[in-house]
């Protein structure tokens, strides 16, 4: 629950403070956001399945963001950045929709 509260506070602060994002990170920000969303929805799913662990969430969050960003960075260095970025988005998108589907089943099942 603390992670969700922290996320909400971070989003509200980000909207009102409007931080400057370094130019070097700007191409990777959408990937970072999608990877973070995947970790957040995975944590929500684990919560509904009663298997949530805060340690696993933090490790999953950091590793998802770092791995996705490094894959896109590597793709940019190899000259196939847009293709690898698309692949990362597709994989994370599938995971996001899978988690949302599982969460929806838990909510409507009761």
N, C-alpha and C. Protein backbone atom coordinates (compact mmCIF):
# COMPACT_ATOMS: atom_id res chain seq x y z
N UNK A 1 0.82 -1.18 0.00
CA UNK A 1 0.00 0.00 0.00
C UNK A 1 0.87 1.25 0.00
N UNK A 2 2.00 1.17 0.66
CA UNK A 2 2.91 2.32 0.70
C UNK A 2 3.43 2.64 -0.70
N UNK A 3 3.63 1.61 -1.51
CA UNK A 3 4.12 1.84 -2.87
C UNK A 3 3.09 2.60 -3.70
N UNK A 4 1.83 2.24 -3.56
CA UNK A 4 0.77 2.92 -4.30
C UNK A 4 0.64 4.36 -3.83
N UNK A 5 0.71 4.57 -2.52
CA UNK A 5 0.64 5.93 -1.98
C UNK A 5 1.82 6.75 -2.46
N UNK A 6 3.00 6.16 -2.48
CA UNK A 6 4.18 6.85 -2.99
C UNK A 6 4.06 7.19 -4.46
N UNK A 7 3.46 6.29 -5.23
CA UNK A 7 3.25 6.54 -6.65
C UNK A 7 2.30 7.73 -6.85
N UNK A 8 1.21 7.75 -6.08
CA UNK A 8 0.25 8.84 -6.21
C UNK A 8 0.89 10.17 -5.82
N UNK A 9 1.63 10.20 -4.73
CA UNK A 9 2.31 11.42 -4.31
C UNK A 9 3.32 11.86 -5.37
N UNK A 10 4.06 10.90 -5.93
CA UNK A 10 5.04 11.23 -6.97
C UNK A 10 4.40 11.80 -8.21
N UNK A 11 3.28 11.25 -8.63
CA UNK A 11 2.58 11.77 -9.81
C UNK A 11 2.07 13.18 -9.56
N UNK A 12 1.47 13.40 -8.39
CA UNK A 12 0.95 14.74 -8.07
C UNK A 12 2.10 15.75 -8.02
N UNK A 13 3.20 15.39 -7.37
CA UNK A 13 4.36 16.30 -7.33
C UNK A 13 4.91 16.56 -8.73
N UNK A 14 4.98 15.52 -9.55
CA UNK A 14 5.48 15.68 -10.91
C UNK A 14 4.63 16.60 -11.75
N UNK A 15 3.32 16.57 -11.54
CA UNK A 15 2.41 17.43 -12.30
C UNK A 15 2.60 18.89 -11.90
N UNK A 16 2.74 19.14 -10.61
CA UNK A 16 2.82 20.53 -10.14
C UNK A 16 4.22 21.12 -10.18
N UNK A 17 5.25 20.31 -9.95
CA UNK A 17 6.62 20.82 -9.92
C UNK A 17 7.20 20.92 -11.33
N UNK A 18 6.79 20.05 -12.23
CA UNK A 18 7.28 19.99 -13.61
C UNK A 18 8.82 19.92 -13.68
N UNK A 19 9.36 18.78 -13.27
CA UNK A 19 10.83 18.65 -13.26
C UNK A 19 11.39 18.60 -14.68
N UNK A 20 12.62 19.06 -14.82
CA UNK A 20 13.31 18.98 -16.10
C UNK A 20 13.96 17.61 -16.23
N UNK A 21 13.72 16.97 -17.36
CA UNK A 21 14.29 15.65 -17.62
C UNK A 21 15.54 15.86 -18.47
N UNK A 22 16.67 15.29 -18.07
CA UNK A 22 17.88 15.45 -18.87
C UNK A 22 17.65 14.95 -20.30
N UNK A 23 18.23 15.64 -21.24
CA UNK A 23 18.04 15.33 -22.66
C UNK A 23 18.48 13.91 -22.98
N UNK A 24 19.50 13.44 -22.31
CA UNK A 24 20.01 12.10 -22.60
C UNK A 24 19.00 11.01 -22.19
N UNK A 25 18.12 11.29 -21.22
CA UNK A 25 17.13 10.31 -20.78
C UNK A 25 15.81 10.41 -21.51
N UNK A 26 15.57 11.49 -22.22
CA UNK A 26 14.27 11.70 -22.86
C UNK A 26 13.85 10.60 -23.83
N UNK A 27 14.75 10.05 -24.65
CA UNK A 27 14.30 8.97 -25.54
C UNK A 27 13.89 7.69 -24.80
N UNK A 28 14.38 7.53 -23.58
CA UNK A 28 14.12 6.30 -22.84
C UNK A 28 12.97 6.45 -21.83
N UNK A 29 12.48 7.65 -21.62
CA UNK A 29 11.44 7.87 -20.63
C UNK A 29 10.16 7.09 -20.90
N UNK A 30 9.65 7.04 -22.14
CA UNK A 30 8.43 6.23 -22.37
C UNK A 30 8.63 4.76 -22.02
N UNK A 31 9.79 4.22 -22.33
CA UNK A 31 10.08 2.82 -22.00
C UNK A 31 10.12 2.64 -20.48
N UNK A 32 10.74 3.59 -19.79
CA UNK A 32 10.81 3.51 -18.33
C UNK A 32 9.41 3.54 -17.71
N UNK A 33 8.55 4.39 -18.23
CA UNK A 33 7.19 4.50 -17.69
C UNK A 33 6.41 3.21 -17.93
N UNK A 34 6.52 2.64 -19.12
CA UNK A 34 5.80 1.39 -19.41
C UNK A 34 6.34 0.25 -18.56
N UNK A 35 7.65 0.18 -18.36
CA UNK A 35 8.22 -0.87 -17.52
C UNK A 35 7.80 -0.69 -16.07
N UNK A 36 7.73 0.54 -15.60
CA UNK A 36 7.28 0.79 -14.23
C UNK A 36 5.80 0.43 -14.07
N UNK A 37 5.00 0.73 -15.08
CA UNK A 37 3.58 0.38 -15.04
C UNK A 37 3.40 -1.13 -15.00
N UNK A 38 4.23 -1.84 -15.74
CA UNK A 38 4.18 -3.30 -15.72
C UNK A 38 4.48 -3.83 -14.31
N UNK A 39 5.50 -3.28 -13.66
CA UNK A 39 5.84 -3.71 -12.31
C UNK A 39 4.72 -3.37 -11.33
N UNK A 40 4.12 -2.20 -11.48
CA UNK A 40 3.04 -1.80 -10.59
C UNK A 40 1.83 -2.70 -10.73
N UNK A 41 1.45 -3.02 -11.96
CA UNK A 41 0.30 -3.90 -12.18
C UNK A 41 0.62 -5.34 -11.75
N UNK A 42 1.86 -5.75 -11.90
CA UNK A 42 2.26 -7.06 -11.39
C UNK A 42 2.15 -7.13 -9.88
N UNK A 43 2.49 -6.02 -9.21
CA UNK A 43 2.34 -5.97 -7.75
C UNK A 43 0.87 -6.00 -7.35
N UNK A 44 0.03 -5.30 -8.09
CA UNK A 44 -1.40 -5.32 -7.80
C UNK A 44 -1.97 -6.73 -7.96
N UNK A 45 -1.53 -7.40 -9.01
CA UNK A 45 -1.98 -8.78 -9.24
C UNK A 45 -1.53 -9.69 -8.09
N UNK A 46 -0.28 -9.54 -7.67
CA UNK A 46 0.24 -10.34 -6.56
C UNK A 46 -0.53 -10.04 -5.27
N UNK A 47 -0.91 -8.79 -5.10
CA UNK A 47 -1.70 -8.43 -3.91
C UNK A 47 -3.04 -9.17 -3.91
N UNK A 48 -3.71 -9.19 -5.05
CA UNK A 48 -4.99 -9.88 -5.13
C UNK A 48 -4.83 -11.39 -4.97
N UNK A 49 -3.69 -11.91 -5.41
CA UNK A 49 -3.42 -13.34 -5.26
C UNK A 49 -2.86 -13.68 -3.88
N UNK A 50 -2.72 -12.68 -3.03
CA UNK A 50 -2.19 -12.80 -1.68
C UNK A 50 -0.76 -13.35 -1.66
N UNK A 51 0.02 -12.95 -2.64
CA UNK A 51 1.42 -13.37 -2.68
C UNK A 51 2.35 -12.16 -2.83
N UNK A 52 1.86 -10.97 -2.45
CA UNK A 52 2.66 -9.75 -2.60
C UNK A 52 3.80 -9.73 -1.61
N UNK A 53 4.96 -9.32 -2.10
CA UNK A 53 6.14 -9.11 -1.26
C UNK A 53 6.76 -7.78 -1.65
N UNK A 54 6.99 -6.93 -0.66
CA UNK A 54 7.54 -5.62 -0.98
C UNK A 54 8.95 -5.72 -1.55
N UNK A 55 9.72 -6.69 -1.09
CA UNK A 55 11.08 -6.88 -1.61
C UNK A 55 11.03 -7.27 -3.10
N UNK A 56 10.14 -8.19 -3.42
CA UNK A 56 9.99 -8.62 -4.82
C UNK A 56 9.52 -7.45 -5.68
N UNK A 57 8.61 -6.63 -5.14
CA UNK A 57 8.12 -5.48 -5.90
C UNK A 57 9.24 -4.50 -6.22
N UNK A 58 10.04 -4.17 -5.23
CA UNK A 58 11.13 -3.20 -5.45
C UNK A 58 12.13 -3.76 -6.45
N UNK A 59 12.50 -5.02 -6.29
CA UNK A 59 13.45 -5.62 -7.23
C UNK A 59 12.86 -5.69 -8.62
N UNK A 60 11.59 -6.07 -8.73
CA UNK A 60 10.92 -6.15 -10.02
C UNK A 60 10.84 -4.77 -10.67
N UNK A 61 10.48 -3.77 -9.89
CA UNK A 61 10.36 -2.41 -10.41
C UNK A 61 11.69 -1.92 -10.99
N UNK A 62 12.74 -2.03 -10.19
CA UNK A 62 14.05 -1.54 -10.62
C UNK A 62 14.58 -2.36 -11.79
N UNK A 63 14.46 -3.69 -11.71
CA UNK A 63 15.01 -4.51 -12.78
C UNK A 63 14.23 -4.34 -14.09
N UNK A 64 12.90 -4.17 -14.02
CA UNK A 64 12.12 -3.93 -15.24
C UNK A 64 12.56 -2.64 -15.91
N UNK A 65 12.67 -1.58 -15.13
CA UNK A 65 13.02 -0.27 -15.70
C UNK A 65 14.44 -0.31 -16.27
N UNK A 66 15.37 -0.85 -15.52
CA UNK A 66 16.76 -0.87 -15.97
C UNK A 66 16.93 -1.78 -17.19
N UNK A 67 16.33 -2.96 -17.16
CA UNK A 67 16.47 -3.90 -18.27
C UNK A 67 15.86 -3.34 -19.55
N UNK A 68 14.66 -2.80 -19.46
CA UNK A 68 14.01 -2.24 -20.65
C UNK A 68 14.82 -1.08 -21.21
N UNK A 69 15.31 -0.22 -20.33
CA UNK A 69 16.09 0.93 -20.78
C UNK A 69 17.40 0.48 -21.42
N UNK A 70 18.07 -0.48 -20.81
CA UNK A 70 19.33 -0.97 -21.39
C UNK A 70 19.12 -1.66 -22.73
N UNK A 71 18.02 -2.39 -22.88
CA UNK A 71 17.73 -3.02 -24.17
C UNK A 71 17.55 -1.98 -25.27
N UNK A 72 16.81 -0.93 -24.97
CA UNK A 72 16.60 0.12 -25.97
C UNK A 72 17.90 0.88 -26.22
N UNK A 73 18.68 1.12 -25.18
CA UNK A 73 19.98 1.78 -25.35
C UNK A 73 20.90 0.95 -26.23
N UNK A 74 20.93 -0.36 -25.98
CA UNK A 74 21.74 -1.26 -26.80
C UNK A 74 21.26 -1.24 -28.25
N UNK A 75 19.95 -1.24 -28.43
CA UNK A 75 19.40 -1.16 -29.78
C UNK A 75 19.80 0.12 -30.48
N UNK A 76 19.80 1.23 -29.75
CA UNK A 76 20.23 2.50 -30.34
C UNK A 76 21.69 2.44 -30.74
N UNK A 77 22.52 1.82 -29.91
CA UNK A 77 23.94 1.71 -30.23
C UNK A 77 24.19 0.83 -31.44
N UNK A 78 23.34 -0.18 -31.63
CA UNK A 78 23.49 -1.09 -32.77
C UNK A 78 22.79 -0.58 -34.02
N UNK A 79 22.03 0.51 -33.88
CA UNK A 79 21.33 1.07 -35.03
C UNK A 79 19.96 0.48 -35.29
N UNK A 80 19.45 -0.29 -34.34
CA UNK A 80 18.12 -0.88 -34.48
C UNK A 80 17.24 -0.45 -33.31
N UNK A 81 17.41 0.79 -32.86
CA UNK A 81 16.72 1.28 -31.67
C UNK A 81 15.22 1.24 -31.79
N UNK A 82 14.68 1.66 -32.94
CA UNK A 82 13.22 1.72 -33.05
C UNK A 82 12.61 0.31 -33.07
N UNK A 83 13.28 -0.64 -33.71
CA UNK A 83 12.75 -2.01 -33.74
C UNK A 83 12.79 -2.63 -32.34
N UNK A 84 13.90 -2.43 -31.64
CA UNK A 84 14.01 -3.00 -30.30
C UNK A 84 13.07 -2.29 -29.32
N UNK A 85 12.87 -1.00 -29.51
CA UNK A 85 11.93 -0.28 -28.67
C UNK A 85 10.51 -0.81 -28.88
N UNK A 86 10.16 -1.07 -30.12
CA UNK A 86 8.85 -1.64 -30.42
C UNK A 86 8.70 -3.02 -29.78
N UNK A 87 9.74 -3.82 -29.85
CA UNK A 87 9.69 -5.16 -29.25
C UNK A 87 9.50 -5.09 -27.74
N UNK A 88 10.21 -4.18 -27.09
CA UNK A 88 10.09 -4.02 -25.64
C UNK A 88 8.68 -3.57 -25.27
N UNK A 89 8.13 -2.62 -26.03
CA UNK A 89 6.78 -2.13 -25.77
C UNK A 89 5.76 -3.26 -25.96
N UNK A 90 5.93 -4.07 -26.99
CA UNK A 90 4.99 -5.16 -27.24
C UNK A 90 5.04 -6.17 -26.09
N UNK A 91 6.21 -6.56 -25.67
CA UNK A 91 6.34 -7.55 -24.59
C UNK A 91 5.76 -7.00 -23.29
N UNK A 92 6.12 -5.77 -22.95
CA UNK A 92 5.58 -5.18 -21.72
C UNK A 92 4.08 -4.96 -21.84
N UNK A 93 3.61 -4.59 -23.02
CA UNK A 93 2.17 -4.42 -23.23
C UNK A 93 1.41 -5.71 -23.02
N UNK A 94 1.95 -6.80 -23.50
CA UNK A 94 1.30 -8.10 -23.29
C UNK A 94 1.23 -8.41 -21.80
N UNK A 95 2.32 -8.15 -21.09
CA UNK A 95 2.34 -8.40 -19.64
C UNK A 95 1.34 -7.50 -18.91
N UNK A 96 1.26 -6.24 -19.33
CA UNK A 96 0.33 -5.30 -18.71
C UNK A 96 -1.11 -5.77 -18.90
N UNK A 97 -1.47 -6.12 -20.14
CA UNK A 97 -2.84 -6.58 -20.39
C UNK A 97 -3.14 -7.89 -19.67
N UNK A 98 -2.15 -8.76 -19.55
CA UNK A 98 -2.34 -10.01 -18.81
C UNK A 98 -2.61 -9.72 -17.33
N UNK A 99 -1.83 -8.81 -16.76
CA UNK A 99 -2.04 -8.45 -15.35
C UNK A 99 -3.39 -7.77 -15.13
N UNK A 100 -3.76 -6.86 -16.04
CA UNK A 100 -5.06 -6.18 -15.92
C UNK A 100 -6.19 -7.19 -16.02
N UNK A 101 -6.06 -8.15 -16.91
CA UNK A 101 -7.07 -9.19 -17.05
C UNK A 101 -7.20 -10.00 -15.77
N UNK A 102 -6.08 -10.38 -15.17
CA UNK A 102 -6.12 -11.15 -13.92
C UNK A 102 -6.72 -10.32 -12.79
N UNK A 103 -6.37 -9.04 -12.71
CA UNK A 103 -6.92 -8.16 -11.69
C UNK A 103 -8.43 -8.04 -11.86
N UNK A 104 -8.86 -7.87 -13.09
CA UNK A 104 -10.30 -7.76 -13.37
C UNK A 104 -11.03 -9.02 -12.93
N UNK A 105 -10.46 -10.19 -13.19
CA UNK A 105 -11.08 -11.45 -12.76
C UNK A 105 -11.21 -11.52 -11.24
N UNK A 106 -10.16 -11.08 -10.54
CA UNK A 106 -10.22 -11.10 -9.08
C UNK A 106 -11.26 -10.13 -8.55
N UNK A 107 -11.37 -8.97 -9.15
CA UNK A 107 -12.33 -7.96 -8.67
C UNK A 107 -13.77 -8.44 -8.90
N UNK A 108 -14.05 -8.94 -10.10
CA UNK A 108 -15.42 -9.32 -10.40
C UNK A 108 -15.81 -10.68 -9.85
N UNK A 109 -14.83 -11.50 -9.50
CA UNK A 109 -15.12 -12.79 -8.89
C UNK A 109 -15.57 -12.61 -7.44
N UNK A 110 -15.01 -11.57 -6.82
CA UNK A 110 -15.45 -11.26 -5.44
C UNK A 110 -14.62 -11.81 -4.39
